[in-house]
Amino acid sequence: MNRPQAIIDAHLHLFDDRANAYSVFEAPDATFEALVGDYSALPHRYAFEHYSADTDSRIVEGIVWHEFMSRDPAREVNWAQRLADSLPVPMSIVAMVDFLDPRLDERLDTYRTLPNVTAVRQHLAWDEVNPQRRMAARPDFLRDEAWRRGLGRLRDHDFRCGLEVFGPQMCDLVEVVHLYPDIEFTLALMGWPLDLGPAGFASWKENIRNLAQCPNVCASLSAIECIFGMDWTIETVRPWLLTAIEHFGPGRCMIGSHLPISRLSFGFTRLYDAYDTILAPFSDEERDQIFRTTARDWFRVGLSSSKRG
């Protein structure tokens, strides 16, 4: 029997609504439901022991925790740091940030005191057609000069930057990435295409090609249930996944489970079996990059802040 694939999970959430306040659990949230579907089955507490049970079909060597839209992001990230200190596997932290926050520098300085915080992210996704699919206060942050100056403050901090956008916003994202070649960006959810037809694929592919030409961008291939629906198929996902890898290369692509959101779809094992099937043509080294080492190196999984380089 073959040894299970060792992974570093590049995108997951652990949370506990007894420790942090989450508006999505306090009342039905139409925006969250528009993005992930009916989430009534989502647990209000998802701890590492639940994650371990869900992922027992693989060898998990490390994880990358992402914030979960808490009402108090600073409190949540401090909770995550305490959690990281107690886990049997290394955990890197991606914290929430707002680049228009007047106390941005203070927030970033605070994050610097937490050794497992290696990246920050901001939700910027804006659907021009569907008002419920809008995670930002307005659509033009990527073009806003004040917002861009705030983003530039990352030059004084050693954090990677995740910007979550929808496919139609990728042209603006390409411009921002070009403006800051000294900041390293994570492309979340493959750029989250909205139009999955031939025209949408062609437009998305062109933006992927342009972003991949920027050496300061790494692609996260995760949350496919949000992109392709809860009943996604390998046949639907395959061309998009392979196109992203074709342009970025295995050394700049990484896979995440998006647990526990992916539980609302087919769950972890079927998801990673699908990844195995799609990535079968790649060499063992390339597969190891996509499943494990790209995320390890990008998010510095297992390295404290004192070892950042």
C-alpha atoms as a PDB file:
ATOM      1  CA  MET A   1       0.000   0.000   0.000  1.00  0.00           C
ATOM      2  CA  ASN A   2       1.346   3.417  -0.955  1.00  0.00           C
ATOM      3  CA  ARG A   3       2.230   5.832   1.823  1.00  0.00           C
ATOM      4  CA  PRO A   4      -0.389   8.608   2.132  1.00  0.00           C
ATOM      5  CA  GLN A   5       0.550  11.957   0.616  1.00  0.00           C
ATOM      6  CA  ALA A   6       2.185  14.255   3.177  1.00  0.00           C
ATOM      7  CA  ILE A   7       0.649  17.733   3.065  1.00  0.00           C
ATOM      8  CA  ILE A   8       0.850  21.193   4.493  1.00  0.00           C
ATOM      9  CA  ASP A   9      -2.662  22.571   4.402  1.00  0.00           C
ATOM     10  CA  ALA A  10      -2.371  26.069   2.918  1.00  0.00           C
ATOM     11  CA  HIS A  11      -5.872  27.314   3.834  1.00  0.00           C
ATOM     12  CA  LEU A  12      -8.115  26.314   6.716  1.00  0.00           C
ATOM     13  CA  HIS A  13     -10.090  27.811   9.572  1.00  0.00           C
ATOM     14  CA  LEU A  14     -10.145  26.850  13.235  1.00  0.00           C
ATOM     15  CA  PHE A  15     -12.588  28.807  15.369  1.00  0.00           C
ATOM     16  CA  ASP A  16     -14.649  28.798  18.545  1.00  0.00           C
ATOM     17  CA  ASP A  17     -17.590  31.129  19.021  1.00  0.00           C
ATOM     18  CA  ARG A  18     -17.190  30.784  22.786  1.00  0.00           C
ATOM     19  CA  ALA A  19     -13.838  32.566  22.528  1.00  0.00           C
ATOM     20  CA  ASN A  20     -14.529  34.976  19.650  1.00  0.00           C
ATOM     21  CA  ALA A  21     -17.623  36.680  18.251  1.00  0.00           C
ATOM     22  CA  TYR A  22     -18.592  35.761  14.681  1.00  0.00           C
ATOM     23  CA  SER A  23     -21.541  37.566  13.130  1.00  0.00           C
ATOM     24  CA  VAL A  24     -22.213  34.644  10.770  1.00  0.00           C
ATOM     25  CA  PHE A  25     -23.166  32.544  13.807  1.00  0.00           C
ATOM     26  CA  GLU A  26     -25.162  35.231  15.574  1.00  0.00           C
ATOM     27  CA  ALA A  27     -27.742  35.555  12.793  1.00  0.00           C
ATOM     28  CA  PRO A  28     -28.142  34.285   9.225  1.00  0.00           C
ATOM     29  CA  ASP A  29     -25.712  36.165   6.998  1.00  0.00           C
ATOM     30  CA  ALA A  30     -26.952  36.639   3.426  1.00  0.00           C
ATOM     31  CA  THR A  31     -23.507  37.540   2.074  1.00  0.00           C
ATOM     32  CA  PHE A  32     -21.807  34.518   3.606  1.00  0.00           C
ATOM     33  CA  GLU A  33     -24.612  32.292   2.358  1.00  0.00           C
ATOM     34  CA  ALA A  34     -24.268  33.736  -1.149  1.00  0.00           C
ATOM     35  CA  LEU A  35     -20.604  32.716  -1.100  1.00  0.00           C
ATOM     36  CA  VAL A  36     -20.756  29.271   0.534  1.00  0.00           C
ATOM     37  CA  GLY A  37     -24.405  28.239   0.265  1.00  0.00           C
ATOM     38  CA  ASP A  38     -26.551  27.038   3.161  1.00  0.00           C
ATOM     39  CA  TYR A  39     -24.135  26.959   6.070  1.00  0.00           C
ATOM     40  CA  SER A  40     -26.541  25.911   8.819  1.00  0.00           C
ATOM     41  CA  ALA A  41     -24.595  22.647   9.200  1.00  0.00           C
ATOM     42  CA  LEU A  42     -21.339  24.494   9.858  1.00  0.00           C
ATOM     43  CA  PRO A  43     -20.164  23.908  13.445  1.00  0.00           C
ATOM     44  CA  HIS A  44     -19.793  26.929  15.727  1.00  0.00           C
ATOM     45  CA  ARG A  45     -16.633  25.378  17.112  1.00  0.00           C
ATOM     46  CA  TYR A  46     -14.060  23.729  14.864  1.00  0.00           C
ATOM     47  CA  ALA A  47     -11.026  22.692  16.878  1.00  0.00           C
ATOM     48  CA  PHE A  48      -7.805  20.981  15.895  1.00  0.00           C
ATOM     49  CA  GLU A  49      -9.119  17.624  17.087  1.00  0.00           C
ATOM     50  CA  HIS A  50     -12.041  17.967  14.641  1.00  0.00           C
ATOM     51  CA  TYR A  51      -9.619  18.906  11.878  1.00  0.00           C
ATOM     52  CA  SER A  52      -7.390  15.916  12.684  1.00  0.00           C
ATOM     53  CA  ALA A  53     -10.338  13.558  12.444  1.00  0.00           C
ATOM     54  CA  ASP A  54     -11.374  15.047   9.099  1.00  0.00           C
ATOM     55  CA  THR A  55      -7.860  14.734   7.638  1.00  0.00           C
ATOM     56  CA  ASP A  56      -6.804  11.292   8.859  1.00  0.00           C
ATOM     57  CA  SER A  57      -6.456  10.053   5.252  1.00  0.00           C
ATOM     58  CA  ARG A  58      -3.310  12.176   4.826  1.00  0.00           C
ATOM     59  CA  ILE A  59      -0.185  12.979   6.811  1.00  0.00           C
ATOM     60  CA  VAL A  60      -0.538  16.618   7.884  1.00  0.00           C
ATOM     61  CA  GLU A  61       2.880  18.138   8.574  1.00  0.00           C
ATOM     62  CA  GLY A  62       1.691  21.714   9.104  1.00  0.00           C
ATOM     63  CA  ILE A  63      -1.253  24.049   8.663  1.00  0.00           C
ATOM     64  CA  VAL A  64      -1.934  27.649   7.670  1.00  0.00           C
ATOM     65  CA  TRP A  65      -4.725  29.181   9.749  1.00  0.00           C
ATOM     66  CA  HIS A  66      -6.752  31.987   8.167  1.00  0.00           C
ATOM     67  CA  GLU A  67      -8.861  34.478  10.084  1.00  0.00           C
ATOM     68  CA  PHE A  68     -12.603  33.831  10.067  1.00  0.00           C
ATOM     69  CA  MET A  69     -14.162  37.293   9.903  1.00  0.00           C
ATOM     70  CA  SER A  70     -14.355  37.789  13.649  1.00  0.00           C
ATOM     71  CA  ARG A  71     -15.926  40.951  15.025  1.00  0.00           C
ATOM     72  CA  ASP A  72     -12.603  41.569  16.802  1.00  0.00           C
ATOM     73  CA  PRO A  73      -9.743  40.489  14.503  1.00  0.00           C
ATOM     74  CA  ALA A  74      -7.050  41.415  17.028  1.00  0.00           C
ATOM     75  CA  ARG A  75      -8.646  39.245  19.703  1.00  0.00           C
ATOM     76  CA  GLU A  76      -9.051  36.384  17.232  1.00  0.00           C
ATOM     77  CA  VAL A  77      -5.428  36.453  16.082  1.00  0.00           C
ATOM     78  CA  ASN A  78      -4.183  36.466  19.670  1.00  0.00           C
ATOM     79  CA  TRP A  79      -6.408  33.448  20.283  1.00  0.00           C
ATOM     80  CA  ALA A  80      -4.886  31.808  17.203  1.00  0.00           C
ATOM     81  CA  GLN A  81      -1.366  32.433  18.502  1.00  0.00           C
ATOM     82  CA  ARG A  82      -2.205  30.720  21.798  1.00  0.00           C
ATOM     83  CA  LEU A  83      -3.663  27.868  19.801  1.00  0.00           C
ATOM     84  CA  ALA A  84      -0.535  27.596  17.659  1.00  0.00           C
ATOM     85  CA  ASP A  85       1.585  27.395  20.799  1.00  0.00           C
ATOM     86  CA  SER A  86      -0.342  24.302  21.896  1.00  0.00           C
ATOM     87  CA  LEU A  87      -0.613  22.248  18.712  1.00  0.00           C
ATOM     88  CA  PRO A  88       1.350  19.088  17.812  1.00  0.00           C
ATOM     89  CA  VAL A  89       2.038  20.424  14.289  1.00  0.00           C
ATOM     90  CA  PRO A  90       3.398  23.842  13.253  1.00  0.00           C
ATOM     91  CA  MET A  91       0.794  26.449  12.368  1.00  0.00           C
ATOM     92  CA  SER A  92       1.321  29.718  10.533  1.00  0.00           C
ATOM     93  CA  ILE A  93      -1.236  32.508  10.877  1.00  0.00           C
ATOM     94  CA  VAL A  94      -2.842  34.770   8.261  1.00  0.00           C
ATOM     95  CA  ALA A  95      -4.370  37.764  10.060  1.00  0.00           C
ATOM     96  CA  MET A  96      -7.045  40.254   9.011  1.00  0.00           C
ATOM     97  CA  VAL A  97      -5.986  43.739   7.945  1.00  0.00           C
ATOM     98  CA  ASP A  98      -7.621  46.867   6.526  1.00  0.00           C
ATOM     99  CA  PHE A  99      -5.191  49.010   4.562  1.00  0.00           C
ATOM    100  CA  LEU A 100      -7.354  52.099   5.171  1.00  0.00           C
ATOM    101  CA  ASP A 101      -7.337  51.587   8.940  1.00  0.00           C
ATOM    102  CA  PRO A 102      -6.016  54.812  10.556  1.00  0.00           C
ATOM    103  CA  ARG A 103      -4.302  52.588  13.146  1.00  0.00           C
ATOM    104  CA  LEU A 104      -2.786  50.315  10.518  1.00  0.00           C
ATOM    105  CA  ASP A 105       0.811  50.706  11.685  1.00  0.00           C
ATOM    106  CA  GLU A 106      -0.205  49.910  15.248  1.00  0.00           C
ATOM    107  CA  ARG A 107      -2.049  46.815  14.052  1.00  0.00           C
ATOM    108  CA  LEU A 108       0.923  45.611  11.999  1.00  0.00           C
ATOM    109  CA  ASP A 109       3.306  46.262  14.889  1.00  0.00           C
ATOM    110  CA  THR A 110       1.052  44.167  17.122  1.00  0.00           C
ATOM    111  CA  TYR A 111       1.071  41.338  14.600  1.00  0.00           C
ATOM    112  CA  ARG A 112       4.867  41.480  14.580  1.00  0.00           C
ATOM    113  CA  THR A 113       4.853  40.521  18.263  1.00  0.00           C
ATOM    114  CA  LEU A 114       3.059  37.254  17.442  1.00  0.00           C
ATOM    115  CA  PRO A 115       5.679  34.803  16.175  1.00  0.00           C
ATOM    116  CA  ASN A 116       3.370  32.667  14.028  1.00  0.00           C
ATOM    117  CA  VAL A 117       1.820  35.531  12.042  1.00  0.00           C
ATOM    118  CA  THR A 118       3.515  35.346   8.649  1.00  0.00           C
ATOM    119  CA  ALA A 119       0.866  36.933   6.415  1.00  0.00           C
ATOM    120  CA  VAL A 120      -2.084  39.315   6.371  1.00  0.00           C
ATOM    121  CA  ARG A 121      -5.097  39.485   4.100  1.00  0.00           C
ATOM    122  CA  GLN A 122      -8.019  41.714   3.183  1.00  0.00           C
ATOM    123  CA  HIS A 123     -11.356  40.686   1.680  1.00  0.00           C
ATOM    124  CA  LEU A 124     -11.967  42.796  -1.426  1.00  0.00           C
ATOM    125  CA  ALA A 125     -14.325  40.592  -3.457  1.00  0.00           C
ATOM    126  CA  TRP A 126     -17.051  42.640  -5.146  1.00  0.00           C
ATOM    127  CA  ASP A 127     -19.667  41.262  -7.521  1.00  0.00           C
ATOM    128  CA  GLU A 128     -21.045  44.039  -9.736  1.00  0.00           C
ATOM    129  CA  VAL A 129     -24.172  41.988 -10.505  1.00  0.00           C
ATOM    130  CA  ASN A 130     -25.114  40.403  -7.178  1.00  0.00           C
ATOM    131  CA  PRO A 131     -25.161  42.814  -4.192  1.00  0.00           C
ATOM    132  CA  GLN A 132     -25.076  39.906  -1.758  1.00  0.00           C
ATOM    133  CA  ARG A 133     -21.717  38.737  -3.108  1.00  0.00           C
ATOM    134  CA  ARG A 134     -19.770  41.735  -1.842  1.00  0.00           C
ATOM    135  CA  MET A 135     -17.209  41.317   0.916  1.00  0.00           C
ATOM    136  CA  ALA A 136     -15.873  44.879   0.759  1.00  0.00           C
ATOM    137  CA  ALA A 137     -17.464  48.211   1.625  1.00  0.00           C
ATOM    138  CA  ARG A 138     -17.006  49.454  -1.926  1.00  0.00           C
ATOM    139  CA  PRO A 139     -15.624  48.185  -5.262  1.00  0.00           C
ATOM    140  CA  ASP A 140     -12.655  50.483  -5.873  1.00  0.00           C
ATOM    141  CA  PHE A 141     -10.159  49.801  -3.082  1.00  0.00           C
ATOM    142  CA  LEU A 142      -7.563  48.411  -5.485  1.00  0.00           C
ATOM    143  CA  ARG A 143      -7.627  51.718  -7.393  1.00  0.00           C
ATOM    144  CA  ASP A 144      -7.795  53.992  -4.326  1.00  0.00           C
ATOM    145  CA  GLU A 145      -4.551  55.923  -3.744  1.00  0.00           C
ATOM    146  CA  ALA A 146      -4.990  56.039   0.046  1.00  0.00           C
ATOM    147  CA  TRP A 147      -5.606  52.297   0.140  1.00  0.00           C
ATOM    148  CA  ARG A 148      -2.536  51.722  -1.992  1.00  0.00           C
ATOM    149  CA  ARG A 149      -0.417  53.840   0.347  1.00  0.00           C
ATOM    150  CA  GLY A 150      -1.663  51.716   3.228  1.00  0.00           C
ATOM    151  CA  LEU A 151      -0.678  48.573   1.367  1.00  0.00           C
ATOM    152  CA  GLY A 152       2.759  50.093   0.875  1.00  0.00           C
ATOM    153  CA  ARG A 153       3.221  50.079   4.669  1.00  0.00           C
ATOM    154  CA  LEU A 154       3.910  46.357   4.349  1.00  0.00           C
ATOM    155  CA  ARG A 155       7.347  47.356   3.067  1.00  0.00           C
ATOM    156  CA  ASP A 156       8.241  47.989   6.713  1.00  0.00           C
ATOM    157  CA  HIS A 157       6.966  44.564   7.784  1.00  0.00           C
ATOM    158  CA  ASP A 158       7.874  41.056   6.771  1.00  0.00           C
ATOM    159  CA  PHE A 159       4.404  39.767   5.924  1.00  0.00           C
ATOM    160  CA  ARG A 160       3.042  38.161   2.783  1.00  0.00           C
ATOM    161  CA  CYS A 161      -0.202  39.767   1.589  1.00  0.00           C
ATOM    162  CA  GLY A 162      -3.358  37.967   0.518  1.00  0.00           C
ATOM    163  CA  LEU A 163      -5.951  39.936  -1.451  1.00  0.00           C
ATOM    164  CA  GLU A 164      -9.220  38.088  -1.995  1.00  0.00           C
ATOM    165  CA  VAL A 165     -10.867  39.275  -5.216  1.00  0.00           C
ATOM    166  CA  PHE A 166     -13.275  38.006  -7.846  1.00  0.00           C
ATOM    167  CA  GLY A 167     -12.157  37.303 -11.405  1.00  0.00           C
ATOM    168  CA  PRO A 168     -13.349  40.644 -12.879  1.00  0.00           C
ATOM    169  CA  GLN A 169     -11.141  42.479 -10.349  1.00  0.00           C
ATOM    170  CA  MET A 170      -7.948  40.712 -11.392  1.00  0.00           C
ATOM    171  CA  CYS A 171      -6.921  43.413 -13.869  1.00  0.00           C
ATOM    172  CA  ASP A 172      -6.767  45.902 -10.984  1.00  0.00           C
ATOM    173  CA  LEU A 173      -4.906  43.322  -8.891  1.00  0.00           C
ATOM    174  CA  VAL A 174      -2.280  42.929 -11.629  1.00  0.00           C
ATOM    175  CA  GLU A 175      -1.712  46.710 -11.550  1.00  0.00           C
ATOM    176  CA  VAL A 176      -1.302  46.710  -7.754  1.00  0.00           C
ATOM    177  CA  VAL A 177       1.153  43.811  -7.872  1.00  0.00           C
ATOM    178  CA  HIS A 178       3.228  45.662 -10.462  1.00  0.00           C
ATOM    179  CA  LEU A 179       3.264  48.749  -8.236  1.00  0.00           C
ATOM    180  CA  TYR A 180       4.774  46.803  -5.335  1.00  0.00           C
ATOM    181  CA  PRO A 181       7.349  44.322  -6.653  1.00  0.00           C
ATOM    182  CA  ASP A 182       8.941  44.266  -3.185  1.00  0.00           C
ATOM    183  CA  ILE A 183       5.764  42.942  -1.505  1.00  0.00           C
ATOM    184  CA  GLU A 184       4.869  39.264  -1.912  1.00  0.00           C
ATOM    185  CA  PHE A 185       1.224  38.514  -2.708  1.00  0.00           C
ATOM    186  CA  THR A 186      -0.925  35.414  -2.329  1.00  0.00           C
ATOM    187  CA  LEU A 187      -3.541  35.007  -5.042  1.00  0.00           C
ATOM    188  CA  ALA A 188      -6.496  33.536  -3.134  1.00  0.00           C
ATOM    189  CA  LEU A 189      -8.890  30.973  -4.647  1.00  0.00           C
ATOM    190  CA  MET A 190      -7.152  31.117  -8.047  1.00  0.00           C
ATOM    191  CA  GLY A 191      -8.591  34.608  -8.498  1.00  0.00           C
ATOM    192  CA  TRP A 192     -12.143  33.350  -7.816  1.00  0.00           C
ATOM    193  CA  PRO A 193     -13.616  33.333 -11.347  1.00  0.00           C
ATOM    194  CA  LEU A 194     -17.330  34.137 -11.526  1.00  0.00           C
ATOM    195  CA  ASP A 195     -17.974  33.364 -15.193  1.00  0.00           C
ATOM    196  CA  LEU A 196     -17.200  29.668 -15.647  1.00  0.00           C
ATOM    197  CA  GLY A 197     -18.093  29.663 -19.353  1.00  0.00           C
ATOM    198  CA  PRO A 198     -15.618  29.834 -22.277  1.00  0.00           C
ATOM    199  CA  ALA A 199     -15.441  33.649 -22.313  1.00  0.00           C
ATOM    200  CA  GLY A 200     -14.903  33.786 -18.563  1.00  0.00           C
ATOM    201  CA  PHE A 201     -12.209  31.144 -18.764  1.00  0.00           C
ATOM    202  CA  ALA A 202     -10.363  33.022 -21.514  1.00  0.00           C
ATOM    203  CA  SER A 203     -10.432  36.286 -19.551  1.00  0.00           C
ATOM    204  CA  TRP A 204      -9.369  34.564 -16.319  1.00  0.00           C
ATOM    205  CA  LYS A 205      -6.554  32.735 -18.105  1.00  0.00           C
ATOM    206  CA  GLU A 206      -5.164  35.996 -19.475  1.00  0.00           C
ATOM    207  CA  ASN A 207      -5.138  37.547 -16.010  1.00  0.00           C
ATOM    208  CA  ILE A 208      -3.535  34.421 -14.557  1.00  0.00           C
ATOM    209  CA  ARG A 209      -0.835  34.634 -17.227  1.00  0.00           C
ATOM    210  CA  ASN A 210      -0.176  38.298 -16.385  1.00  0.00           C
ATOM    211  CA  LEU A 211      -0.032  37.647 -12.641  1.00  0.00           C
ATOM    212  CA  ALA A 212       2.225  34.635 -13.071  1.00  0.00           C
ATOM    213  CA  GLN A 213       4.760  36.842 -14.845  1.00  0.00           C
ATOM    214  CA  CYS A 214       5.198  38.660 -11.522  1.00  0.00           C
ATOM    215  CA  PRO A 215       7.690  36.674  -9.411  1.00  0.00           C
ATOM    216  CA  ASN A 216       6.221  38.142  -6.197  1.00  0.00           C
ATOM    217  CA  VAL A 217       2.919  36.232  -6.531  1.00  0.00           C
ATOM    218  CA  CYS A 218       2.062  32.725  -5.330  1.00  0.00           C
ATOM    219  CA  ALA A 219      -1.256  31.006  -6.119  1.00  0.00           C
ATOM    220  CA  SER A 220      -3.454  29.317  -3.525  1.00  0.00           C
ATOM    221  CA  LEU A 221      -5.588  26.569  -5.077  1.00  0.00           C
ATOM    222  CA  SER A 222      -8.304  26.173  -2.488  1.00  0.00           C
ATOM    223  CA  ALA A 223     -12.014  26.612  -1.734  1.00  0.00           C
ATOM    224  CA  ILE A 224     -13.033  24.992  -5.001  1.00  0.00           C
ATOM    225  CA  GLU A 225     -16.520  24.406  -3.599  1.00  0.00           C
ATOM    226  CA  CYS A 226     -16.975  28.189  -3.399  1.00  0.00           C
ATOM    227  CA  ILE A 227     -15.835  28.639  -6.992  1.00  0.00           C
ATOM    228  CA  PHE A 228     -17.432  25.653  -8.710  1.00  0.00           C
ATOM    229  CA  GLY A 229     -20.350  24.887  -6.398  1.00  0.00           C
ATOM    230  CA  MET A 230     -20.937  22.307  -3.706  1.00  0.00           C
ATOM    231  CA  ASP A 231     -21.493  19.596  -6.337  1.00  0.00           C
ATOM    232  CA  TRP A 232     -18.248  20.311  -8.215  1.00  0.00           C
ATOM    233  CA  THR A 233     -16.754  17.618 -10.434  1.00  0.00           C
ATOM    234  CA  ILE A 234     -13.195  16.735 -11.357  1.00  0.00           C
ATOM    235  CA  GLU A 235     -14.015  17.421 -15.003  1.00  0.00           C
ATOM    236  CA  THR A 236     -15.100  20.975 -14.163  1.00  0.00           C
ATOM    237  CA  VAL A 237     -12.207  21.770 -11.853  1.00  0.00           C
ATOM    238  CA  ARG A 238      -9.384  20.160 -13.843  1.00  0.00           C
ATOM    239  CA  PRO A 239      -8.823  22.750 -16.636  1.00  0.00           C
ATOM    240  CA  TRP A 240      -8.796  25.674 -14.212  1.00  0.00           C
ATOM    241  CA  LEU A 241      -6.442  23.997 -11.757  1.00  0.00           C
ATOM    242  CA  LEU A 242      -4.052  22.820 -14.450  1.00  0.00           C
ATOM    243  CA  THR A 243      -4.044  26.232 -16.153  1.00  0.00           C
ATOM    244  CA  ALA A 244      -3.044  27.942 -12.894  1.00  0.00           C
ATOM    245  CA  ILE A 245      -0.243  25.413 -12.350  1.00  0.00           C
ATOM    246  CA  GLU A 246       0.861  25.687 -15.989  1.00  0.00           C
ATOM    247  CA  HIS A 247       1.436  29.422 -15.615  1.00  0.00           C
ATOM    248  CA  PHE A 248       2.689  29.677 -12.030  1.00  0.00           C
ATOM    249  CA  GLY A 249       4.553  26.371 -11.928  1.00  0.00           C
ATOM    250  CA  PRO A 250       4.402  23.840  -9.068  1.00  0.00           C
ATOM    251  CA  GLY A 251       6.907  25.884  -7.059  1.00  0.00           C
ATOM    252  CA  ARG A 252       4.414  28.768  -6.804  1.00  0.00           C
ATOM    253  CA  CYS A 253       1.196  26.793  -6.322  1.00  0.00           C
ATOM    254  CA  MET A 254      -0.177  25.365  -3.079  1.00  0.00           C
ATOM    255  CA  ILE A 255      -3.316  23.519  -2.041  1.00  0.00           C
ATOM    256  CA  GLY A 256      -5.596  24.086   0.919  1.00  0.00           C
ATOM    257  CA  SER A 257      -8.536  22.132   2.286  1.00  0.00           C
ATOM    258  CA  HIS A 258     -10.683  25.132   3.216  1.00  0.00           C
ATOM    259  CA  LEU A 259     -11.969  23.132   6.157  1.00  0.00           C
ATOM    260  CA  PRO A 260     -14.491  23.226   7.652  1.00  0.00           C
ATOM    261  CA  ILE A 261     -16.248  25.071   4.790  1.00  0.00           C
ATOM    262  CA  SER A 262     -15.440  22.183   2.455  1.00  0.00           C
ATOM    263  CA  ARG A 263     -17.449  19.939   4.786  1.00  0.00           C
ATOM    264  CA  LEU A 264     -20.526  21.606   3.281  1.00  0.00           C
ATOM    265  CA  SER A 265     -19.509  19.984   0.001  1.00  0.00           C
ATOM    266  CA  PHE A 266     -17.756  16.599  -0.294  1.00  0.00           C
ATOM    267  CA  GLY A 267     -15.334  16.970   2.605  1.00  0.00           C
ATOM    268  CA  PHE A 268     -11.587  16.520   2.865  1.00  0.00           C
ATOM    269  CA  THR A 269     -10.881  12.993   1.629  1.00  0.00           C
ATOM    270  CA  ARG A 270     -12.894  13.260  -1.584  1.00  0.00           C
ATOM    271  CA  LEU A 271     -11.350  16.682  -2.206  1.00  0.00           C
ATOM    272  CA  TYR A 272      -7.778  15.463  -1.804  1.00  0.00           C
ATOM    273  CA  ASP A 273      -8.510  12.313  -3.809  1.00  0.00           C
ATOM    274  CA  ALA A 274      -9.630  14.642  -6.601  1.00  0.00           C
ATOM    275  CA  TYR A 275      -6.419  16.655  -6.274  1.00  0.00           C
ATOM    276  CA  ASP A 276      -4.485  13.375  -6.487  1.00  0.00           C
ATOM    277  CA  THR A 277      -6.302  12.438  -9.683  1.00  0.00           C
ATOM    278  CA  ILE A 278      -5.828  15.837 -11.322  1.00  0.00           C
ATOM    279  CA  LEU A 279      -2.141  16.048 -10.362  1.00  0.00           C
ATOM    280  CA  ALA A 280      -1.297  12.452 -11.310  1.00  0.00           C
ATOM    281  CA  PRO A 281       0.645  13.504 -14.476  1.00  0.00           C
ATOM    282  CA  PHE A 282       3.124  15.550 -12.410  1.00  0.00           C
ATOM    283  CA  SER A 283       6.372  14.162 -11.033  1.00  0.00           C
ATOM    284  CA  ASP A 284       6.720  13.195  -7.380  1.00  0.00           C
ATOM    285  CA  GLU A 285       8.804  16.316  -6.768  1.00  0.00           C
ATOM    286  CA  GLU A 286       6.247  18.597  -8.424  1.00  0.00           C
ATOM    287  CA  ARG A 287       3.376  17.019  -6.500  1.00  0.00           C
ATOM    288  CA  ASP A 288       5.296  17.444  -3.263  1.00  0.00           C
ATOM    289  CA  GLN A 289       5.754  21.128  -4.067  1.00  0.00           C
ATOM    290  CA  ILE A 290       2.039  21.647  -4.675  1.00  0.00           C
ATOM    291  CA  PHE A 291       0.873  19.593  -1.701  1.00  0.00           C
ATOM    292  CA  ARG A 292       3.545  20.558   0.797  1.00  0.00           C
ATOM    293  CA  THR A 293       6.721  22.535   0.226  1.00  0.00           C
ATOM    294  CA  THR A 294       5.348  25.626  -1.551  1.00  0.00           C
ATOM    295  CA  ALA A 295       3.033  26.355   1.392  1.00  0.00           C
ATOM    296  CA  ARG A 296       5.793  25.515   3.878  1.00  0.00           C
ATOM    297  CA  ASP A 297       8.214  27.968   2.317  1.00  0.00           C
ATOM    298  CA  TRP A 298       5.699  30.691   1.421  1.00  0.00           C
ATOM    299  CA  PHE A 299       4.041  30.850   4.833  1.00  0.00           C
ATOM    300  CA  ARG A 300       7.220  29.858   6.716  1.00  0.00           C
ATOM    301  CA  VAL A 301       5.428  27.023   8.425  1.00  0.00           C
ATOM    302  CA  GLY A 302       7.489  25.950  11.412  1.00  0.00           C
ATOM    303  CA  LEU A 303       9.613  29.101  11.513  1.00  0.00           C
ATOM    304  CA  SER A 304       9.305  31.732  14.215  1.00  0.00           C
ATOM    305  CA  SER A 305       9.451  35.451  13.409  1.00  0.00           C
ATOM    306  CA  SER A 306      13.080  35.518  14.500  1.00  0.00           C
ATOM    307  CA  LYS A 307      13.922  33.129  11.666  1.00  0.00           C
ATOM    308  CA  ARG A 308      12.192  35.037   8.897  1.00  0.00           C
ATOM    309  CA  GLY A 309      14.365  35.815   5.965  1.00  0.00           C
END
